[in-house]
Amino acid sequence: MAGNVVNLNRFKKKKQRAEKEKKADANRLKHGRTGAQKERERTDRERAARALDGKRIENASNGVESDVLRPDAEAASTEDKNEPKPST
């Protein structure tokens, strides 16, 4: 006469998982980036790094790379030192 015994915790947990997944999907849409967007940003960063490395000047005497990107950067910095500072 007695029916099958049913564990209601199983159904409650299943419902909670479904609600969490629905909330996670909404957050992914709201805050996340697609895989294509992440890949494009990564390739853009790599391209910029290669371009910067290509512009570095190598010191011929010891083979060490310099952080100076322009040959006239040192001359420009010495000209700035000779200018009077504005008074406040």
PDB file of N, CA and C in Angstrom:
ATOM      1  N   MET A   1       0.789  -1.184   0.000  1.00  0.00           N
ATOM      2  CA  MET A   1       0.000   0.000   0.000  1.00  0.00           C
ATOM      3  C   MET A   1       0.843   1.266   0.000  1.00  0.00           C
ATOM      4  N   ALA A   2       1.983   1.247   0.632  1.00  0.00           N
ATOM      5  CA  ALA A   2       2.821   2.437   0.690  1.00  0.00           C
ATOM      6  C   ALA A   2       3.513   2.634  -0.654  1.00  0.00           C
ATOM      7  N   GLY A   3       3.591   3.914  -1.079  1.00  0.00           N
ATOM      8  CA  GLY A   3       4.249   4.232  -2.335  1.00  0.00           C
ATOM      9  C   GLY A   3       5.760   4.280  -2.184  1.00  0.00           C
ATOM     10  N   ASN A   4       6.410   4.636  -3.246  1.00  0.00           N
ATOM     11  CA  ASN A   4       7.878   4.735  -3.207  1.00  0.00           C
ATOM     12  C   ASN A   4       8.303   5.902  -2.326  1.00  0.00           C
ATOM     13  N   VAL A   5       9.340   5.722  -1.598  1.00  0.00           N
ATOM     14  CA  VAL A   5       9.889   6.777  -0.756  1.00  0.00           C
ATOM     15  C   VAL A   5      10.726   7.688  -1.653  1.00  0.00           C
ATOM     16  N   VAL A   6      10.464   8.992  -1.570  1.00  0.00           N
ATOM     17  CA  VAL A   6      11.140   9.967  -2.421  1.00  0.00           C
ATOM     18  C   VAL A   6      11.962  10.900  -1.538  1.00  0.00           C
ATOM     19  N   ASN A   7      13.190  11.106  -1.918  1.00  0.00           N
ATOM     20  CA  ASN A   7      14.066  12.018  -1.191  1.00  0.00           C
ATOM     21  C   ASN A   7      13.900  13.409  -1.809  1.00  0.00           C
ATOM     22  N   LEU A   8      13.270  14.315  -1.077  1.00  0.00           N
ATOM     23  CA  LEU A   8      12.996  15.651  -1.600  1.00  0.00           C
ATOM     24  C   LEU A   8      14.263  16.504  -1.696  1.00  0.00           C
ATOM     25  N   ASN A   9      15.319  16.163  -0.941  1.00  0.00           N
ATOM     26  CA  ASN A   9      16.572  16.927  -1.007  1.00  0.00           C
ATOM     27  C   ASN A   9      17.162  16.884  -2.416  1.00  0.00           C
ATOM     28  N   ARG A  10      17.021  15.761  -3.088  1.00  0.00           N
ATOM     29  CA  ARG A  10      17.562  15.624  -4.441  1.00  0.00           C
ATOM     30  C   ARG A  10      16.913  16.659  -5.375  1.00  0.00           C
ATOM     31  N   PHE A  11      15.605  16.805  -5.275  1.00  0.00           N
ATOM     32  CA  PHE A  11      14.895  17.753  -6.132  1.00  0.00           C
ATOM     33  C   PHE A  11      15.206  19.197  -5.754  1.00  0.00           C
ATOM     34  N   LYS A  12      15.351  19.432  -4.440  1.00  0.00           N
ATOM     35  CA  LYS A  12      15.682  20.779  -3.977  1.00  0.00           C
ATOM     36  C   LYS A  12      17.074  21.184  -4.477  1.00  0.00           C
ATOM     37  N   LYS A  13      18.042  20.277  -4.384  1.00  0.00           N
ATOM     38  CA  LYS A  13      19.404  20.560  -4.846  1.00  0.00           C
ATOM     39  C   LYS A  13      19.438  20.778  -6.355  1.00  0.00           C
ATOM     40  N   LYS A  14      18.659  19.981  -7.085  1.00  0.00           N
ATOM     41  CA  LYS A  14      18.610  20.126  -8.544  1.00  0.00           C
ATOM     42  C   LYS A  14      18.069  21.497  -8.927  1.00  0.00           C
ATOM     43  N   LYS A  15      17.051  21.957  -8.212  1.00  0.00           N
ATOM     44  CA  LYS A  15      16.471  23.272  -8.476  1.00  0.00           C
ATOM     45  C   LYS A  15      17.485  24.375  -8.155  1.00  0.00           C
ATOM     46  N   GLN A  16      18.213  24.243  -7.035  1.00  0.00           N
ATOM     47  CA  GLN A  16      19.225  25.238  -6.661  1.00  0.00           C
ATOM     48  C   GLN A  16      20.339  25.311  -7.695  1.00  0.00           C
ATOM     49  N   ARG A  17      20.778  24.150  -8.205  1.00  0.00           N
ATOM     50  CA  ARG A  17      21.826  24.141  -9.246  1.00  0.00           C
ATOM     51  C   ARG A  17      21.356  24.849 -10.500  1.00  0.00           C
ATOM     52  N   ALA A  18      20.108  24.611 -10.880  1.00  0.00           N
ATOM     53  CA  ALA A  18      19.561  25.247 -12.077  1.00  0.00           C
ATOM     54  C   ALA A  18      19.495  26.761 -11.903  1.00  0.00           C
ATOM     55  N   GLU A  19      19.110  27.228 -10.709  1.00  0.00           N
ATOM     56  CA  GLU A  19      19.053  28.666 -10.443  1.00  0.00           C
ATOM     57  C   GLU A  19      20.448  29.286 -10.469  1.00  0.00           C
ATOM     58  N   LYS A  20      21.430  28.590  -9.890  1.00  0.00           N
ATOM     59  CA  LYS A  20      22.808  29.093  -9.902  1.00  0.00           C
ATOM     60  C   LYS A  20      23.342  29.181 -11.327  1.00  0.00           C
ATOM     61  N   GLU A  21      23.054  28.179 -12.147  1.00  0.00           N
ATOM     62  CA  GLU A  21      23.514  28.183 -13.533  1.00  0.00           C
ATOM     63  C   GLU A  21      22.862  29.320 -14.324  1.00  0.00           C
ATOM     64  N   LYS A  22      21.588  29.562 -14.053  1.00  0.00           N
ATOM     65  CA  LYS A  22      20.889  30.660 -14.734  1.00  0.00           C
ATOM     66  C   LYS A  22      21.518  32.006 -14.355  1.00  0.00           C
ATOM     67  N   LYS A  23      21.833  32.180 -13.071  1.00  0.00           N
ATOM     68  CA  LYS A  23      22.465  33.411 -12.602  1.00  0.00           C
ATOM     69  C   LYS A  23      23.873  33.551 -13.198  1.00  0.00           C
ATOM     70  N   ALA A  24      24.602  32.442 -13.280  1.00  0.00           N
ATOM     71  CA  ALA A  24      25.955  32.468 -13.853  1.00  0.00           C
ATOM     72  C   ALA A  24      25.913  32.855 -15.326  1.00  0.00           C
ATOM     73  N   ASP A  25      24.921  32.333 -16.062  1.00  0.00           N
ATOM     74  CA  ASP A  25      24.782  32.705 -17.473  1.00  0.00           C
ATOM     75  C   ASP A  25      24.513  34.198 -17.624  1.00  0.00           C
ATOM     76  N   ALA A  26      23.660  34.724 -16.769  1.00  0.00           N
ATOM     77  CA  ALA A  26      23.354  36.158 -16.819  1.00  0.00           C
ATOM     78  C   ALA A  26      24.607  36.981 -16.523  1.00  0.00           C
ATOM     79  N   ASN A  27      25.409  36.542 -15.537  1.00  0.00           N
ATOM     80  CA  ASN A  27      26.641  37.266 -15.203  1.00  0.00           C
ATOM     81  C   ASN A  27      27.660  37.179 -16.328  1.00  0.00           C
ATOM     82  N   ARG A  28      27.723  36.023 -17.007  1.00  0.00           N
ATOM     83  CA  ARG A  28      28.650  35.899 -18.139  1.00  0.00           C
ATOM     84  C   ARG A  28      28.287  36.883 -19.242  1.00  0.00           C
ATOM     85  N   LEU A  29      27.002  37.015 -19.500  1.00  0.00           N
ATOM     86  CA  LEU A  29      26.573  37.956 -20.525  1.00  0.00           C
ATOM     87  C   LEU A  29      26.835  39.399 -20.110  1.00  0.00           C
ATOM     88  N   LYS A  30      26.626  39.677 -18.838  1.00  0.00           N
ATOM     89  CA  LYS A  30      26.764  41.047 -18.339  1.00  0.00           C
ATOM     90  C   LYS A  30      28.218  41.475 -18.202  1.00  0.00           C
ATOM     91  N   HIS A  31      29.074  40.592 -17.687  1.00  0.00           N
ATOM     92  CA  HIS A  31      30.445  40.976 -17.334  1.00  0.00           C
ATOM     93  C   HIS A  31      31.528  40.304 -18.160  1.00  0.00           C
ATOM     94  N   GLY A  32      31.211  39.236 -18.808  1.00  0.00           N
ATOM     95  CA  GLY A  32      32.247  38.435 -19.455  1.00  0.00           C
ATOM     96  C   GLY A  32      32.593  38.909 -20.852  1.00  0.00           C
ATOM     97  N   ARG A  33      33.650  38.329 -21.362  1.00  0.00           N
ATOM     98  CA  ARG A  33      34.082  38.557 -22.737  1.00  0.00           C
ATOM     99  C   ARG A  33      34.063  37.221 -23.454  1.00  0.00           C
ATOM    100  N   THR A  34      33.820  37.284 -24.736  1.00  0.00           N
ATOM    101  CA  THR A  34      33.816  36.052 -25.503  1.00  0.00           C
ATOM    102  C   THR A  34      35.247  35.571 -25.704  1.00  0.00           C
ATOM    103  N   GLY A  35      35.388  34.323 -26.081  1.00  0.00           N
ATOM    104  CA  GLY A  35      36.710  33.778 -26.349  1.00  0.00           C
ATOM    105  C   GLY A  35      37.404  34.518 -27.476  1.00  0.00           C
ATOM    106  N   ALA A  36      36.634  34.934 -28.492  1.00  0.00           N
ATOM    107  CA  ALA A  36      37.211  35.681 -29.606  1.00  0.00           C
ATOM    108  C   ALA A  36      37.750  37.035 -29.143  1.00  0.00           C
ATOM    109  N   GLN A  37      37.029  37.693 -28.230  1.00  0.00           N
ATOM    110  CA  GLN A  37      37.508  38.975 -27.714  1.00  0.00           C
ATOM    111  C   GLN A  37      38.810  38.797 -26.933  1.00  0.00           C
ATOM    112  N   LYS A  38      38.874  37.772 -26.111  1.00  0.00           N
ATOM    113  CA  LYS A  38      40.089  37.520 -25.340  1.00  0.00           C
ATOM    114  C   LYS A  38      41.265  37.206 -26.263  1.00  0.00           C
ATOM    115  N   GLU A  39      41.032  36.417 -27.293  1.00  0.00           N
ATOM    116  CA  GLU A  39      42.091  36.058 -28.240  1.00  0.00           C
ATOM    117  C   GLU A  39      42.588  37.288 -28.987  1.00  0.00           C
ATOM    118  N   ARG A  40      41.660  38.147 -29.398  1.00  0.00           N
ATOM    119  CA  ARG A  40      42.050  39.358 -30.130  1.00  0.00           C
ATOM    120  C   ARG A  40      42.885  40.280 -29.242  1.00  0.00           C
ATOM    121  N   GLU A  41      42.482  40.459 -27.986  1.00  0.00           N
ATOM    122  CA  GLU A  41      43.258  41.298 -27.074  1.00  0.00           C
ATOM    123  C   GLU A  41      44.648  40.720 -26.841  1.00  0.00           C
ATOM    124  N   ARG A  42      44.754  39.396 -26.735  1.00  0.00           N
ATOM    125  CA  ARG A  42      46.053  38.755 -26.536  1.00  0.00           C
ATOM    126  C   ARG A  42      46.952  38.981 -27.740  1.00  0.00           C
ATOM    127  N   THR A  43      46.407  38.816 -28.950  1.00  0.00           N
ATOM    128  CA  THR A  43      47.224  39.024 -30.146  1.00  0.00           C
ATOM    129  C   THR A  43      47.611  40.490 -30.299  1.00  0.00           C
ATOM    130  N   ASP A  44      46.724  41.415 -29.907  1.00  0.00           N
ATOM    131  CA  ASP A  44      47.062  42.839 -29.959  1.00  0.00           C
ATOM    132  C   ASP A  44      48.213  43.166 -29.010  1.00  0.00           C
ATOM    133  N   ARG A  45      48.173  42.583 -27.795  1.00  0.00           N
ATOM    134  CA  ARG A  45      49.273  42.815 -26.840  1.00  0.00           C
ATOM    135  C   ARG A  45      50.583  42.260 -27.362  1.00  0.00           C
ATOM    136  N   GLU A  46      50.539  41.048 -27.954  1.00  0.00           N
ATOM    137  CA  GLU A  46      51.755  40.446 -28.500  1.00  0.00           C
ATOM    138  C   GLU A  46      52.298  41.278 -29.661  1.00  0.00           C
ATOM    139  N   ARG A  47      51.419  41.767 -30.518  1.00  0.00           N
ATOM    140  CA  ARG A  47      51.839  42.585 -31.663  1.00  0.00           C
ATOM    141  C   ARG A  47      52.491  43.881 -31.182  1.00  0.00           C
ATOM    142  N   ALA A  48      51.913  44.506 -30.168  1.00  0.00           N
ATOM    143  CA  ALA A  48      52.480  45.740 -29.624  1.00  0.00           C
ATOM    144  C   ALA A  48      53.847  45.477 -28.993  1.00  0.00           C
ATOM    145  N   ALA A  49      53.993  44.356 -28.302  1.00  0.00           N
ATOM    146  CA  ALA A  49      55.281  44.022 -27.687  1.00  0.00           C
ATOM    147  C   ALA A  49      56.347  43.784 -28.754  1.00  0.00           C
ATOM    148  N   ARG A  50      55.973  43.093 -29.840  1.00  0.00           N
ATOM    149  CA  ARG A  50      56.942  42.876 -30.927  1.00  0.00           C
ATOM    150  C   ARG A  50      57.330  44.186 -31.590  1.00  0.00           C
ATOM    151  N   ALA A  51      56.372  45.085 -31.767  1.00  0.00           N
ATOM    152  CA  ALA A  51      56.669  46.378 -32.378  1.00  0.00           C
ATOM    153  C   ALA A  51      57.609  47.183 -31.489  1.00  0.00           C
ATOM    154  N   LEU A  52      57.383  47.136 -30.177  1.00  0.00           N
ATOM    155  CA  LEU A  52      58.250  47.857 -29.252  1.00  0.00           C
ATOM    156  C   LEU A  52      59.655  47.264 -29.250  1.00  0.00           C
ATOM    157  N   ASP A  53      59.754  45.948 -29.231  1.00  0.00           N
ATOM    158  CA  ASP A  53      61.062  45.298 -29.260  1.00  0.00           C
ATOM    159  C   ASP A  53      61.806  45.613 -30.556  1.00  0.00           C
ATOM    160  N   GLY A  54      61.097  45.760 -31.645  1.00  0.00           N
ATOM    161  CA  GLY A  54      61.721  46.081 -32.918  1.00  0.00           C
ATOM    162  C   GLY A  54      62.294  47.487 -32.964  1.00  0.00           C
ATOM    163  N   LYS A  55      61.818  48.363 -32.083  1.00  0.00           N
ATOM    164  CA  LYS A  55      62.285  49.749 -32.066  1.00  0.00           C
ATOM    165  C   LYS A  55      63.413  49.987 -31.068  1.00  0.00           C
ATOM    166  N   ARG A  56      63.767  48.977 -30.294  1.00  0.00           N
ATOM    167  CA  ARG A  56      64.856  49.138 -29.321  1.00  0.00           C
ATOM    168  C   ARG A  56      66.194  49.298 -30.045  1.00  0.00           C
ATOM    169  N   ILE A  57      67.061  50.054 -29.425  1.00  0.00           N
ATOM    170  CA  ILE A  57      68.387  50.305 -29.989  1.00  0.00           C
ATOM    171  C   ILE A  57      69.378  49.407 -29.257  1.00  0.00           C
ATOM    172  N   GLU A  58      70.205  48.702 -30.012  1.00  0.00           N
ATOM    173  CA  GLU A  58      71.189  47.818 -29.408  1.00  0.00           C
ATOM    174  C   GLU A  58      72.535  48.526 -29.387  1.00  0.00           C
ATOM    175  N   ASN A  59      73.201  48.511 -28.253  1.00  0.00           N
ATOM    176  CA  ASN A  59      74.502  49.129 -28.093  1.00  0.00           C
ATOM    177  C   ASN A  59      75.536  48.217 -28.758  1.00  0.00           C
ATOM    178  N   ALA A  60      76.212  48.722 -29.772  1.00  0.00           N
ATOM    179  CA  ALA A  60      77.135  47.904 -30.560  1.00  0.00           C
ATOM    180  C   ALA A  60      78.379  47.498 -29.755  1.00  0.00           C
ATOM    181  N   SER A  61      78.791  48.286 -28.750  1.00  0.00           N
ATOM    182  CA  SER A  61      80.027  47.985 -28.032  1.00  0.00           C
ATOM    183  C   SER A  61      79.905  46.762 -27.127  1.00  0.00           C
ATOM    184  N   ASN A  62      78.762  46.605 -26.445  1.00  0.00           N
ATOM    185  CA  ASN A  62      78.668  45.465 -25.541  1.00  0.00           C
ATOM    186  C   ASN A  62      77.473  44.563 -25.842  1.00  0.00           C
ATOM    187  N   GLY A  63      76.684  44.865 -26.845  1.00  0.00           N
ATOM    188  CA  GLY A  63      75.572  44.013 -27.245  1.00  0.00           C
ATOM    189  C   GLY A  63      74.385  44.060 -26.310  1.00  0.00           C
ATOM    190  N   VAL A  64      74.343  45.028 -25.403  1.00  0.00           N
ATOM    191  CA  VAL A  64      73.244  45.153 -24.451  1.00  0.00           C
ATOM    192  C   VAL A  64      72.192  46.080 -25.036  1.00  0.00           C
ATOM    193  N   GLU A  65      70.924  45.684 -24.881  1.00  0.00           N
ATOM    194  CA  GLU A  65      69.855  46.532 -25.381  1.00  0.00           C
ATOM    195  C   GLU A  65      69.654  47.706 -24.454  1.00  0.00           C
ATOM    196  N   SER A  66      69.337  48.832 -25.041  1.00  0.00           N
ATOM    197  CA  SER A  66      69.077  50.035 -24.286  1.00  0.00           C
ATOM    198  C   SER A  66      67.575  50.272 -24.238  1.00  0.00           C
ATOM    199  N   ASP A  67      67.115  50.936 -23.196  1.00  0.00           N
ATOM    200  CA  ASP A  67      65.700  51.269 -23.109  1.00  0.00           C
ATOM    201  C   ASP A  67      65.369  52.532 -23.884  1.00  0.00           C
ATOM    202  N   VAL A  68      66.365  53.179 -24.442  1.00  0.00           N
ATOM    203  CA  VAL A  68      66.140  54.387 -25.219  1.00  0.00           C
ATOM    204  C   VAL A  68      65.574  53.997 -26.575  1.00  0.00           C
ATOM    205  N   LEU A  69      64.444  54.598 -26.925  1.00  0.00           N
ATOM    206  CA  LEU A  69      63.806  54.281 -28.189  1.00  0.00           C
ATOM    207  C   LEU A  69      64.182  55.284 -29.277  1.00  0.00           C
ATOM    208  N   ARG A  70      64.591  56.503 -28.875  1.00  0.00           N
ATOM    209  CA  ARG A  70      64.967  57.505 -29.863  1.00  0.00           C
ATOM    210  C   ARG A  70      66.422  57.917 -29.636  1.00  0.00           C
ATOM    211  N   PRO A  71      67.182  58.066 -30.711  1.00  0.00           N
ATOM    212  CA  PRO A  71      68.565  58.500 -30.536  1.00  0.00           C
ATOM    213  C   PRO A  71      68.668  59.917 -29.978  1.00  0.00           C
ATOM    214  N   ASP A  72      67.684  60.764 -30.235  1.00  0.00           N
ATOM    215  CA  ASP A  72      67.752  62.145 -29.783  1.00  0.00           C
ATOM    216  C   ASP A  72      67.121  62.343 -28.410  1.00  0.00           C
ATOM    217  N   ALA A  73      66.761  61.285 -27.706  1.00  0.00           N
ATOM    218  CA  ALA A  73      66.100  61.403 -26.406  1.00  0.00           C
ATOM    219  C   ALA A  73      67.025  62.033 -25.374  1.00  0.00           C
ATOM    220  N   GLU A  74      68.320  61.694 -25.411  1.00  0.00           N
ATOM    221  CA  GLU A  74      69.257  62.262 -24.446  1.00  0.00           C
ATOM    222  C   GLU A  74      69.423  63.757 -24.682  1.00  0.00           C
ATOM    223  N   ALA A  75      69.509  64.172 -25.926  1.00  0.00           N
ATOM    224  CA  ALA A  75      69.645  65.590 -26.237  1.00  0.00           C
ATOM    225  C   ALA A  75      68.410  66.355 -25.794  1.00  0.00           C
ATOM    226  N   ALA A  76      67.241  65.781 -25.960  1.00  0.00           N
ATOM    227  CA  ALA A  76      66.009  66.444 -25.562  1.00  0.00           C
ATOM    228  C   ALA A  76      65.943  66.596 -24.047  1.00  0.00           C
ATOM    229  N   SER A  77      66.430  65.618 -23.315  1.00  0.00           N
ATOM    230  CA  SER A  77      66.359  65.697 -21.855  1.00  0.00           C
ATOM    231  C   SER A  77      67.337  66.743 -21.319  1.00  0.00           C
ATOM    232  N   THR A  78      68.494  66.952 -21.968  1.00  0.00           N
ATOM    233  CA  THR A  78      69.438  67.967 -21.498  1.00  0.00           C
ATOM    234  C   THR A  78      68.922  69.357 -21.812  1.00  0.00           C
ATOM    235  N   GLU A  79      68.192  69.530 -22.900  1.00  0.00           N
ATOM    236  CA  GLU A  79      67.617  70.835 -23.221  1.00  0.00           C
ATOM    237  C   GLU A  79      66.575  71.212 -22.186  1.00  0.00           C
ATOM    238  N   ASP A  80      65.798  70.261 -21.701  1.00  0.00           N
ATOM    239  CA  ASP A  80      64.770  70.548 -20.719  1.00  0.00           C
ATOM    240  C   ASP A  80      65.372  70.995 -19.393  1.00  0.00           C
ATOM    241  N   LYS A  81      66.563  70.503 -19.055  1.00  0.00           N
ATOM    242  CA  LYS A  81      67.191  70.855 -17.785  1.00  0.00           C
ATOM    243  C   LYS A  81      67.643  72.309 -17.772  1.00  0.00           C
ATOM    244  N   ASN A  82      67.975  72.874 -18.931  1.00  0.00           N
ATOM    245  CA  ASN A  82      68.485  74.232 -19.007  1.00  0.00           C
ATOM    246  C   ASN A  82      67.379  75.269 -18.937  1.00  0.00           C
ATOM    247  N   GLU A  83      66.128  74.868 -19.134  1.00  0.00           N
ATOM    248  CA  GLU A  83      65.035  75.827 -19.111  1.00  0.00           C
ATOM    249  C   GLU A  83      64.711  76.201 -17.668  1.00  0.00           C
ATOM    250  N   PRO A  84      64.350  77.469 -17.438  1.00  0.00           N
ATOM    251  CA  PRO A  84      63.995  77.860 -16.075  1.00  0.00           C
ATOM    252  C   PRO A  84      62.676  77.229 -15.655  1.00  0.00           C
ATOM    253  N   LYS A  85      62.578  76.920 -14.374  1.00  0.00           N
ATOM    254  CA  LYS A  85      61.351  76.321 -13.867  1.00  0.00           C
ATOM    255  C   LYS A  85      60.332  77.414 -13.614  1.00  0.00           C
ATOM    256  N   PRO A  86      59.069  77.139 -13.893  1.00  0.00           N
ATOM    257  CA  PRO A  86      58.039  78.169 -13.642  1.00  0.00           C
ATOM    258  C   PRO A  86      57.874  78.402 -12.155  1.00  0.00           C
ATOM    259  N   SER A  87      57.667  79.669 -11.813  1.00  0.00           N
ATOM    260  CA  SER A  87      57.498  79.990 -10.389  1.00  0.00           C
ATOM    261  C   SER A  87      56.047  79.776 -10.003  1.00  0.00           C
ATOM    262  N   THR A  88      55.871  79.340  -8.763  1.00  0.00           N
ATOM    263  CA  THR A  88      54.507  79.061  -8.302  1.00  0.00           C
ATOM    264  C   THR A  88      54.051  80.026  -7.252  1.00  0.00           C
TER     265      THR A  88
END
